[in-house]
Amino acid sequence: MDLIRMLDVDGLAHGLADMSMFPYFDVAHYVVSIMALREQPGVVEVSRRSPFACWFSSMLFCFGGAVLSGVMMAEPPIAPLSNSTAVLLASLIWYLVFYCPWDLLYCCAALLPFRLVLSGMKEVTRTWKVLGGVTQASGKYQDSLLVMIAIGWAKGAGGGLIANFEQLVRGVWKPETNELLKMSYPTKITLMGAVLFSLQHTGYLPLQKHHLMLFYTVFNVVNKSRIVITGSSSSPFALVESVIYRTLFSSSSIHSSSFTALNPDTKKAVANNQLRRYSDSTPSKEPGESRSPSLGSSLRGKKEDRRTAKTKEQEDNGCKKTD
């Protein structure tokens, strides 16, 4: 607590909690989301062929979290579109990203300094979305921790969770890209935030809400900046995930799954052992065949000549008997 007072973390946390997301942070969220859509394969062709489908996909990228959380809470899924100001602002950015003369907006926003700032601002909005989902769920289900986590996760990462539906709008069907099969970094970090804010909201995490908002936001911004600068999409939780998976989910799996969890030296020893067993169980070859392929082939040729001569001799005997 002394460190918190010394760094004036409380003042920073209150300032962050009282900060308004509209319009600057919302604009950054729309720009980054629509740029992410444009950078997917085939989207530029769709924007030329069907502008309405491209616009609808962009709105799903921008408001997908609110749409998905509304569906899960049995609320109208089109409620997010009732905010005309937000929809008009997102539509304007969509038009500029895809149809701006000389591609000016996209080329400027794609520069590393601008992309770094916009990505960091978007991560700030993630905190508010996750917290908004947890608060929305607690209004109807006060004692349900699981529902709070699910709604907070859906509202913060809904654009990725409904990616398969968004792809259908563009005429693409790739079920293997489902976020539940292989989670991306934004989906993982949003799930972690939903768990933390839900635990704090129910009193299981002894931390004030504005402090948690500050720590979570700083963590997101720092990691997102690292990803943008280095160009690496590796998750900072990769080591922890690997340890948890091998400890809890690989020991009782089938033989093939446990075999993949072995280290390379153990895999090589097991493979050599299996090969040795297979070679022992197969019928032994003649000495000439195992030592030299040419010698083995000559022996086989001699055997065939003997069989041919014996067959001819039998035929000749048969002919003499007939005569």
Protein backbone atom coordinates (compact mmCIF):
# COMPACT_ATOMS: atom_id res chain seq x y z
CA MET A 1 0.00 0.00 0.00
CA ASP A 2 2.91 2.36 0.66
CA LEU A 3 4.12 1.79 -2.89
CA ILE A 4 0.66 2.61 -4.20
CA ARG A 5 0.63 5.88 -2.25
CA MET A 6 4.17 6.76 -3.32
CA LEU A 7 3.41 6.28 -7.02
CA ASP A 8 0.03 8.03 -6.67
CA VAL A 9 -1.60 4.98 -8.18
CA ASP A 10 -4.87 5.89 -6.51
CA GLY A 11 -5.03 9.21 -8.35
CA LEU A 12 -4.14 7.57 -11.65
CA ALA A 13 -6.75 4.87 -11.10
CA HIS A 14 -9.49 7.37 -10.33
CA GLY A 15 -8.50 9.46 -13.35
CA LEU A 16 -8.65 6.43 -15.60
CA ALA A 17 -11.98 5.31 -14.17
CA ASP A 18 -13.51 8.75 -14.75
CA MET A 19 -12.18 9.02 -18.32
CA SER A 20 -14.74 9.16 -21.11
CA MET A 21 -14.31 6.79 -24.04
CA PHE A 22 -16.23 8.97 -26.50
CA PRO A 23 -15.13 10.15 -28.97
CA TYR A 24 -11.36 9.60 -29.12
CA PHE A 25 -11.06 6.08 -27.73
CA ASP A 26 -14.14 4.92 -29.59
CA VAL A 27 -12.71 6.29 -32.83
CA ALA A 28 -9.47 4.38 -32.19
CA HIS A 29 -11.49 1.22 -31.57
CA TYR A 30 -13.39 1.64 -34.84
CA VAL A 31 -10.25 2.40 -36.86
CA VAL A 32 -8.28 -0.60 -35.54
CA SER A 33 -11.25 -2.96 -35.88
CA ILE A 34 -12.05 -1.97 -39.47
CA MET A 35 -8.37 -2.08 -40.42
CA ALA A 36 -8.20 -5.60 -39.03
CA LEU A 37 -11.16 -6.51 -41.24
CA ARG A 38 -9.59 -4.96 -44.31
CA GLU A 39 -6.33 -6.88 -43.80
CA GLN A 40 -8.11 -10.22 -44.06
CA PRO A 41 -7.82 -12.05 -47.40
CA GLY A 42 -10.50 -11.24 -49.93
CA VAL A 43 -12.12 -8.37 -48.03
CA VAL A 44 -11.02 -5.67 -50.47
CA GLU A 45 -12.64 -7.60 -53.33
CA VAL A 46 -15.85 -7.90 -51.30
CA SER A 47 -15.81 -4.15 -50.66
CA ARG A 48 -15.75 -3.54 -54.42
CA ARG A 49 -18.32 -6.22 -55.21
CA SER A 50 -20.78 -5.64 -52.34
CA PRO A 51 -20.29 -2.49 -50.23
CA PHE A 52 -23.28 -3.34 -48.05
CA ALA A 53 -21.83 -6.73 -47.04
CA CYS A 54 -18.53 -5.01 -46.27
CA TRP A 55 -20.30 -2.37 -44.17
CA PHE A 56 -22.27 -5.00 -42.26
CA SER A 57 -19.09 -6.96 -41.52
CA SER A 58 -17.46 -3.76 -40.28
CA MET A 59 -20.35 -3.09 -37.92
CA LEU A 60 -20.03 -6.62 -36.55
CA PHE A 61 -16.34 -5.98 -35.94
CA CYS A 62 -17.11 -2.71 -34.15
CA PHE A 63 -20.21 -3.75 -32.16
CA GLY A 64 -19.89 -7.53 -32.08
CA GLY A 65 -19.35 -7.64 -28.32
CA ALA A 66 -22.51 -5.68 -27.59
CA VAL A 67 -24.51 -7.80 -30.05
CA LEU A 68 -23.32 -11.12 -28.61
CA SER A 69 -23.81 -10.08 -24.98
CA GLY A 70 -27.30 -8.83 -25.84
CA VAL A 71 -28.21 -12.19 -27.37
CA MET A 72 -26.88 -14.02 -24.30
CA MET A 73 -28.84 -11.74 -21.98
CA ALA A 74 -32.06 -12.22 -24.03
CA GLU A 75 -32.01 -8.61 -25.15
CA PRO A 76 -32.55 -7.30 -28.70
CA PRO A 77 -29.33 -7.91 -30.67
CA ILE A 78 -29.90 -4.71 -32.66
CA ALA A 79 -29.92 -2.57 -29.53
CA PRO A 80 -26.30 -1.44 -30.07
CA LEU A 81 -27.34 0.01 -33.42
CA SER A 82 -29.82 2.30 -31.67
CA ASN A 83 -26.94 4.65 -30.84
CA SER A 84 -27.08 6.64 -34.04
CA THR A 85 -24.01 8.73 -33.23
CA ALA A 86 -21.81 5.67 -32.74
CA VAL A 87 -23.15 3.96 -35.88
CA LEU A 88 -22.65 7.06 -38.01
CA LEU A 89 -19.13 7.54 -36.67
CA ALA A 90 -18.23 3.89 -37.33
CA SER A 91 -19.77 4.10 -40.82
CA LEU A 92 -17.74 7.20 -41.63
CA ILE A 93 -14.54 5.48 -40.58
CA TRP A 94 -15.53 2.39 -42.59
CA TYR A 95 -15.94 4.53 -45.70
CA LEU A 96 -12.62 6.30 -45.19
CA VAL A 97 -10.71 3.06 -44.55
CA PHE A 98 -12.03 1.36 -47.68
CA TYR A 99 -12.84 4.19 -50.11
CA CYS A 100 -10.72 7.19 -49.11
CA PRO A 101 -8.97 8.77 -52.14
CA TRP A 102 -5.42 7.48 -52.56
CA ASP A 103 -6.07 5.18 -49.59
CA LEU A 104 -4.92 8.03 -47.39
CA LEU A 105 -6.47 7.07 -44.05
CA TYR A 106 -5.39 3.43 -44.17
CA CYS A 107 -1.84 4.25 -45.25
CA CYS A 108 -1.43 6.78 -42.44
CA ALA A 109 -2.99 4.57 -39.77
CA ALA A 110 -0.85 1.62 -40.87
CA LEU A 111 2.35 3.48 -40.03
CA LEU A 112 3.98 2.05 -36.92
CA PRO A 113 3.71 5.15 -34.66
CA PHE A 114 0.02 5.70 -35.46
CA ARG A 115 -0.82 2.00 -35.26
CA LEU A 116 0.94 1.80 -31.90
CA VAL A 117 -1.10 4.66 -30.44
CA LEU A 118 -4.39 3.46 -31.91
CA SER A 119 -3.84 -0.11 -30.69
CA GLY A 120 -3.07 1.13 -27.18
CA MET A 121 -6.22 3.25 -27.13
CA LYS A 122 -8.26 0.29 -28.29
CA GLU A 123 -6.93 -1.79 -25.38
CA VAL A 124 -8.18 0.92 -23.02
CA THR A 125 -11.70 0.44 -24.37
CA ARG A 126 -11.40 -3.31 -23.74
CA THR A 127 -11.32 -2.66 -20.00
CA TRP A 128 -14.57 -0.71 -20.16
CA LYS A 129 -16.26 -3.31 -22.30
CA VAL A 130 -15.33 -6.19 -19.99
CA LEU A 131 -16.34 -4.24 -16.90
CA GLY A 132 -19.58 -3.19 -18.59
CA GLY A 133 -20.43 -6.80 -19.37
CA VAL A 134 -19.76 -7.94 -15.80
CA THR A 135 -21.87 -5.08 -14.42
CA GLN A 136 -24.67 -5.84 -16.91
CA ALA A 137 -24.75 -9.52 -15.88
CA SER A 138 -24.65 -8.73 -12.15
CA GLY A 139 -27.81 -6.64 -12.52
CA LYS A 140 -29.83 -9.78 -13.35
CA TYR A 141 -27.70 -12.55 -11.85
CA GLN A 142 -26.11 -11.15 -8.72
CA ASP A 143 -24.72 -14.40 -7.34
CA SER A 144 -23.78 -16.15 -10.58
CA LEU A 145 -20.04 -15.86 -11.10
CA LEU A 146 -20.12 -17.95 -14.27
CA VAL A 147 -22.70 -15.71 -15.96
CA MET A 148 -20.68 -12.60 -15.12
CA ILE A 149 -17.57 -14.14 -16.64
CA ALA A 150 -19.44 -15.23 -19.78
CA ILE A 151 -21.09 -11.85 -20.41
CA GLY A 152 -17.91 -9.91 -19.67
CA TRP A 153 -15.99 -12.17 -22.03
CA ALA A 154 -18.63 -11.87 -24.75
CA LYS A 155 -18.80 -8.09 -24.53
CA GLY A 156 -15.03 -7.64 -24.57
CA ALA A 157 -14.18 -10.17 -27.30
CA GLY A 158 -17.46 -10.57 -29.15
CA GLY A 159 -15.97 -9.51 -32.48
CA GLY A 160 -13.69 -12.54 -32.42
CA LEU A 161 -16.22 -14.96 -30.95
CA ILE A 162 -18.74 -14.29 -33.75
CA ALA A 163 -16.08 -14.29 -36.46
CA ASN A 164 -17.65 -17.31 -38.18
CA PHE A 165 -20.96 -15.48 -38.54
CA GLU A 166 -19.18 -12.40 -39.83
CA GLN A 167 -17.38 -14.55 -42.41
CA LEU A 168 -20.71 -15.89 -43.64
CA VAL A 169 -21.77 -12.33 -44.42
CA ARG A 170 -18.79 -12.15 -46.81
CA GLY A 171 -19.53 -15.59 -48.28
CA VAL A 172 -16.70 -17.36 -46.44
CA TRP A 173 -17.08 -20.47 -44.29
CA LYS A 174 -14.06 -21.49 -42.23
CA PRO A 175 -15.19 -23.41 -39.13
CA GLU A 176 -11.58 -24.26 -38.27
CA THR A 177 -11.03 -20.58 -37.38
CA ASN A 178 -13.47 -20.76 -34.47
CA GLU A 179 -12.05 -18.90 -31.48
CA LEU A 180 -13.12 -21.67 -29.12
CA LEU A 181 -10.92 -24.15 -31.00
CA LYS A 182 -7.84 -21.95 -31.04
CA MET A 183 -8.08 -18.79 -28.99
CA SER A 184 -6.22 -15.70 -30.11
CA TYR A 185 -4.42 -13.39 -27.72
CA PRO A 186 -7.28 -10.81 -27.49
CA THR A 187 -9.76 -13.56 -26.63
CA LYS A 188 -7.49 -14.97 -23.92
CA ILE A 189 -6.73 -11.60 -22.34
CA THR A 190 -10.43 -10.70 -22.38
CA LEU A 191 -11.32 -13.96 -20.66
CA MET A 192 -8.70 -13.28 -18.01
CA GLY A 193 -10.12 -9.79 -17.48
CA ALA A 194 -13.67 -11.13 -17.20
CA VAL A 195 -12.54 -13.58 -14.51
CA LEU A 196 -10.68 -10.89 -12.56
CA PHE A 197 -13.49 -8.33 -12.67
CA SER A 198 -16.08 -10.96 -11.78
CA LEU A 199 -14.03 -12.07 -8.77
CA GLN A 200 -13.59 -8.47 -7.70
CA HIS A 201 -17.28 -7.73 -8.15
CA THR A 202 -18.33 -10.68 -6.00
CA GLY A 203 -15.76 -9.87 -3.29
CA TYR A 204 -13.45 -12.85 -3.87
CA LEU A 205 -10.63 -10.58 -5.05
CA PRO A 206 -9.63 -8.09 -2.33
CA LEU A 207 -8.84 -5.21 -4.67
CA GLN A 208 -10.63 -1.98 -5.40
CA LYS A 209 -12.27 -1.72 -8.78
CA HIS A 210 -10.42 1.37 -10.02
CA HIS A 211 -7.08 -0.18 -9.03
CA LEU A 212 -7.91 -3.35 -10.94
CA MET A 213 -8.95 -1.26 -13.94
CA LEU A 214 -5.59 0.51 -13.91
CA PHE A 215 -3.48 -2.65 -13.56
CA TYR A 216 -5.44 -4.53 -16.21
CA THR A 217 -5.33 -1.62 -18.66
CA VAL A 218 -1.59 -1.09 -18.23
CA PHE A 219 -0.95 -4.79 -18.70
CA ASN A 220 -3.02 -4.83 -21.90
CA VAL A 221 -1.43 -1.71 -23.35
CA VAL A 222 2.13 -2.87 -22.63
CA ASN A 223 1.61 -6.32 -24.16
CA LYS A 224 -0.23 -4.94 -27.18
CA SER A 225 2.58 -2.45 -27.76
CA ARG A 226 5.09 -5.29 -27.60
CA ILE A 227 3.10 -7.27 -30.17
CA VAL A 228 2.80 -4.31 -32.54
CA ILE A 229 6.49 -3.39 -32.29
CA THR A 230 7.92 -6.89 -32.58
CA GLY A 231 5.28 -8.23 -34.96
CA SER A 232 5.01 -11.38 -32.84
CA SER A 233 1.62 -12.80 -31.88
CA SER A 234 2.97 -15.07 -29.16
CA SER A 235 0.99 -15.05 -25.95
CA PRO A 236 2.71 -14.13 -22.66
CA PHE A 237 0.79 -17.03 -21.08
CA ALA A 238 2.22 -19.67 -23.45
CA LEU A 239 4.48 -21.24 -20.81
CA VAL A 240 1.75 -21.33 -18.17
CA GLU A 241 -0.72 -22.80 -20.66
CA SER A 242 1.75 -25.50 -21.65
CA VAL A 243 2.42 -26.49 -18.03
CA ILE A 244 -1.29 -26.58 -17.16
CA TYR A 245 -2.12 -28.62 -20.27
CA ARG A 246 0.60 -31.20 -19.69
CA THR A 247 -0.28 -31.46 -16.00
CA LEU A 248 -4.05 -31.67 -16.19
CA PHE A 249 -5.06 -32.74 -19.68
CA SER A 250 -2.33 -34.91 -21.23
CA SER A 251 -1.58 -37.58 -18.59
CA SER A 252 -4.95 -39.34 -18.90
CA SER A 253 -5.26 -38.95 -22.66
CA ILE A 254 -4.99 -41.71 -25.22
CA HIS A 255 -1.60 -43.11 -26.19
CA SER A 256 -1.17 -40.80 -29.15
CA SER A 257 -1.79 -37.68 -27.08
CA SER A 258 0.60 -38.80 -24.38
CA PHE A 259 3.19 -39.66 -27.01
CA THR A 260 3.09 -36.10 -28.37
CA ALA A 261 3.77 -34.76 -24.89
CA LEU A 262 7.10 -36.60 -24.64
CA ASN A 263 10.38 -34.86 -25.19
CA PRO A 264 12.30 -35.56 -28.45
CA ASP A 265 14.79 -37.99 -26.86
CA THR A 266 12.02 -40.08 -25.33
CA LYS A 267 10.12 -40.06 -28.62
CA LYS A 268 13.21 -41.35 -30.44
CA ALA A 269 13.76 -44.14 -27.92
CA VAL A 270 10.13 -45.25 -28.14
CA ALA A 271 10.23 -45.19 -31.94
CA ASN A 272 13.43 -47.28 -32.03
CA ASN A 273 11.92 -49.76 -29.59
CA GLN A 274 8.81 -50.13 -31.71
CA LEU A 275 10.93 -50.57 -34.86
CA ARG A 276 13.03 -53.26 -33.16
CA ARG A 277 9.90 -55.14 -32.10
CA TYR A 278 8.51 -54.95 -35.60
CA SER A 279 11.72 -56.25 -37.16
CA ASP A 280 11.82 -59.14 -34.66
CA SER A 281 8.23 -60.11 -35.38
CA THR A 282 8.67 -60.19 -39.19
CA PRO A 283 9.84 -63.44 -40.91
CA SER A 284 13.60 -63.69 -41.20
CA LYS A 285 15.13 -63.41 -44.62
CA GLU A 286 17.77 -65.60 -46.15
CA PRO A 287 21.35 -64.66 -45.34
CA GLY A 288 22.10 -63.76 -48.91
CA GLU A 289 19.14 -61.36 -49.10
CA SER A 290 19.99 -59.52 -45.91
CA ARG A 291 23.65 -59.02 -46.80
CA SER A 292 23.55 -58.04 -50.43
CA PRO A 293 20.58 -57.18 -52.66
CA SER A 294 22.43 -58.37 -55.78
CA LEU A 295 23.36 -61.71 -54.18
CA GLY A 296 19.82 -62.19 -53.00
CA SER A 297 18.45 -61.50 -56.45
CA SER A 298 20.91 -64.04 -57.99
CA LEU A 299 19.76 -66.69 -55.51
CA ARG A 300 16.14 -65.97 -56.37
CA GLY A 301 17.03 -66.28 -60.06
CA LYS A 302 18.64 -69.69 -59.52
CA LYS A 303 15.57 -70.93 -57.64
CA GLU A 304 13.31 -69.81 -60.47
CA ASP A 305 15.54 -71.59 -63.04
CA ARG A 306 15.37 -74.80 -61.02
CA ARG A 307 11.57 -74.57 -60.81
CA THR A 308 11.35 -73.94 -64.58
CA ALA A 309 13.62 -76.90 -65.39
CA LYS A 310 11.64 -79.19 -63.06
CA THR A 311 8.37 -78.08 -64.68
CA LYS A 312 9.71 -78.79 -68.17
CA GLU A 313 10.93 -82.22 -67.06
CA GLN A 314 7.46 -83.05 -65.72
CA GLU A 315 5.87 -81.93 -68.97
CA ASP A 316 8.26 -84.09 -71.02
CA ASN A 317 7.49 -87.13 -68.86
CA GLY A 318 3.80 -86.50 -69.34
CA CYS A 319 4.21 -86.29 -73.09
CA LYS A 320 6.17 -89.63 -73.19
CA LYS A 321 3.45 -91.36 -71.17
CA THR A 322 0.85 -90.08 -73.57
CA ASP A 323 2.77 -91.35 -76.57
